[in-house]
C-alpha atoms as a PDB file:
ATOM      1  CA  MET A   1     -70.499  57.799   4.189  1.00  0.00           C
ATOM      2  CA  LYS A   2     -72.268  60.645   2.458  1.00  0.00           C
ATOM      3  CA  THR A   3     -75.117  60.389  -0.019  1.00  0.00           C
ATOM      4  CA  VAL A   4     -75.622  63.048  -2.648  1.00  0.00           C
ATOM      5  CA  ARG A   5     -78.853  63.400  -4.627  1.00  0.00           C
ATOM      6  CA  ILE A   6     -78.237  64.757  -8.119  1.00  0.00           C
ATOM      7  CA  TYR A   7     -81.309  66.214  -9.845  1.00  0.00           C
ATOM      8  CA  VAL A   8     -81.309  66.360 -13.655  1.00  0.00           C
ATOM      9  CA  THR A   9     -84.009  68.395 -15.421  1.00  0.00           C
ATOM     10  CA  TYR A  10     -84.635  69.960 -18.796  1.00  0.00           C
ATOM     11  CA  LYS A  11     -83.402  73.501 -19.294  1.00  0.00           C
ATOM     12  CA  PRO A  12     -86.274  76.025 -19.146  1.00  0.00           C
ATOM     13  CA  SER A  13     -85.901  76.720 -22.884  1.00  0.00           C
ATOM     14  CA  VAL A  14     -86.365  73.039 -23.852  1.00  0.00           C
ATOM     15  CA  PHE A  15     -89.832  71.562 -24.450  1.00  0.00           C
ATOM     16  CA  ASP A  16     -90.640  68.837 -21.913  1.00  0.00           C
ATOM     17  CA  PRO A  17     -92.894  66.344 -23.758  1.00  0.00           C
ATOM     18  CA  GLN A  18     -93.451  64.097 -20.720  1.00  0.00           C
ATOM     19  CA  GLY A  19     -94.366  67.066 -18.561  1.00  0.00           C
ATOM     20  CA  ALA A  20     -96.808  68.324 -21.208  1.00  0.00           C
ATOM     21  CA  SER A  21     -98.433  64.872 -21.494  1.00  0.00           C
ATOM     22  CA  ILE A  22     -98.822  64.612 -17.734  1.00  0.00           C
ATOM     23  CA  GLN A  23    -100.279  68.124 -17.594  1.00  0.00           C
ATOM     24  CA  ASP A  24    -102.816  67.175 -20.273  1.00  0.00           C
ATOM     25  CA  ALA A  25    -103.768  64.057 -18.293  1.00  0.00           C
ATOM     26  CA  ILE A  26    -104.174  66.123 -15.127  1.00  0.00           C
ATOM     27  CA  HIS A  27    -106.468  68.497 -17.022  1.00  0.00           C
ATOM     28  CA  THR A  28    -108.616  65.548 -18.136  1.00  0.00           C
ATOM     29  CA  LEU A  29    -109.062  64.775 -14.433  1.00  0.00           C
ATOM     30  CA  GLY A  30    -110.566  68.228 -14.053  1.00  0.00           C
ATOM     31  CA  HIS A  31    -107.593  69.982 -12.456  1.00  0.00           C
ATOM     32  CA  ASN A  32    -107.299  72.839 -14.931  1.00  0.00           C
ATOM     33  CA  GLU A  33    -105.586  74.977 -12.295  1.00  0.00           C
ATOM     34  CA  VAL A  34    -102.326  73.088 -12.966  1.00  0.00           C
ATOM     35  CA  GLN A  35    -100.238  75.409 -15.119  1.00  0.00           C
ATOM     36  CA  LYS A  36     -97.062  73.405 -15.703  1.00  0.00           C
ATOM     37  CA  VAL A  37     -95.554  69.996 -14.986  1.00  0.00           C
ATOM     38  CA  THR A  38     -91.820  69.427 -15.198  1.00  0.00           C
ATOM     39  CA  VAL A  39     -90.356  65.944 -15.349  1.00  0.00           C
ATOM     40  CA  GLY A  40     -86.841  65.124 -14.208  1.00  0.00           C
ATOM     41  CA  LYS A  41     -84.823  62.363 -12.673  1.00  0.00           C
ATOM     42  CA  PHE A  42     -82.564  62.010  -9.688  1.00  0.00           C
ATOM     43  CA  PHE A  43     -79.612  59.837  -8.788  1.00  0.00           C
ATOM     44  CA  ASP A  44     -78.563  58.971  -5.239  1.00  0.00           C
ATOM     45  CA  VAL A  45     -74.798  58.505  -5.166  1.00  0.00           C
ATOM     46  CA  THR A  46     -73.164  57.304  -1.959  1.00  0.00           C
ATOM     47  CA  PHE A  47     -69.518  58.124  -1.354  1.00  0.00           C
ATOM     48  CA  ASP A  48     -67.260  56.527   1.228  1.00  0.00           C
ATOM     49  CA  GLU A  49     -65.437  58.515   3.837  1.00  0.00           C
ATOM     50  CA  THR A  50     -62.214  58.694   1.775  1.00  0.00           C
ATOM     51  CA  THR A  51     -63.773  61.153  -0.695  1.00  0.00           C
ATOM     52  CA  THR A  52     -61.783  64.333  -0.217  1.00  0.00           C
ATOM     53  CA  SER A  53     -63.734  66.690  -2.470  1.00  0.00           C
ATOM     54  CA  LEU A  54     -67.375  65.796  -2.707  1.00  0.00           C
ATOM     55  CA  GLU A  55     -68.146  68.836  -4.858  1.00  0.00           C
ATOM     56  CA  THR A  56     -65.445  67.931  -7.407  1.00  0.00           C
ATOM     57  CA  ALA A  57     -66.568  64.294  -7.558  1.00  0.00           C
ATOM     58  CA  VAL A  58     -70.236  65.227  -8.049  1.00  0.00           C
ATOM     59  CA  LYS A  59     -69.363  67.779 -10.737  1.00  0.00           C
ATOM     60  CA  ASP A  60     -67.239  65.216 -12.598  1.00  0.00           C
ATOM     61  CA  ILE A  61     -69.927  62.501 -12.432  1.00  0.00           C
ATOM     62  CA  ALA A  62     -72.788  64.811 -13.415  1.00  0.00           C
ATOM     63  CA  GLU A  63     -71.018  66.651 -16.205  1.00  0.00           C
ATOM     64  CA  LYS A  64     -69.280  63.651 -17.778  1.00  0.00           C
ATOM     65  CA  LEU A  65     -71.959  61.009 -17.367  1.00  0.00           C
ATOM     66  CA  LEU A  66     -75.424  62.065 -16.214  1.00  0.00           C
ATOM     67  CA  VAL A  67     -76.252  65.353 -17.957  1.00  0.00           C
ATOM     68  CA  ASN A  68     -76.767  66.160 -21.633  1.00  0.00           C
ATOM     69  CA  PHE A  69     -75.907  69.856 -21.559  1.00  0.00           C
ATOM     70  CA  ASN A  70     -77.634  70.473 -24.897  1.00  0.00           C
ATOM     71  CA  MET A  71     -80.967  70.159 -23.116  1.00  0.00           C
ATOM     72  CA  GLU A  72     -80.467  69.405 -19.422  1.00  0.00           C
ATOM     73  CA  THR A  73     -79.126  71.015 -16.287  1.00  0.00           C
ATOM     74  CA  TYR A  74     -78.442  69.703 -12.796  1.00  0.00           C
ATOM     75  CA  LYS A  75     -78.253  70.583  -9.145  1.00  0.00           C
ATOM     76  CA  TYR A  76     -77.482  68.481  -6.114  1.00  0.00           C
ATOM     77  CA  GLU A  77     -77.883  68.254  -2.380  1.00  0.00           C
ATOM     78  CA  VAL A  78     -76.055  66.320   0.294  1.00  0.00           C
ATOM     79  CA  LEU A  79     -78.551  64.161   2.174  1.00  0.00           C
ATOM     80  CA  GLU A  80     -78.400  63.570   5.906  1.00  0.00           C
ATOM     81  CA  ALA A  81     -75.582  61.337   7.027  1.00  0.00           C
ATOM     82  CA  ASP A  82     -76.261  57.614   6.724  1.00  0.00           C
ATOM     83  CA  LYS A  83     -76.763  55.904  10.053  1.00  0.00           C
END
């Protein structure tokens, strides 16, 4: 089996209201050195060994289900093999 972690984040041109709120809260803690906070989400998707094209499957899942391309983008990584 292989597990793929798909990261979904806002595009750089889109305002991230959660990130801005967290940054403001961090500043109230006295950490004014923090310049930017970006919030995203990730999905761990585990495929069985019959998956022939992991890249095609991930692209299909991300682009048709997980990502709103008006404001989000994605990247992914294959995690270490499950034991």
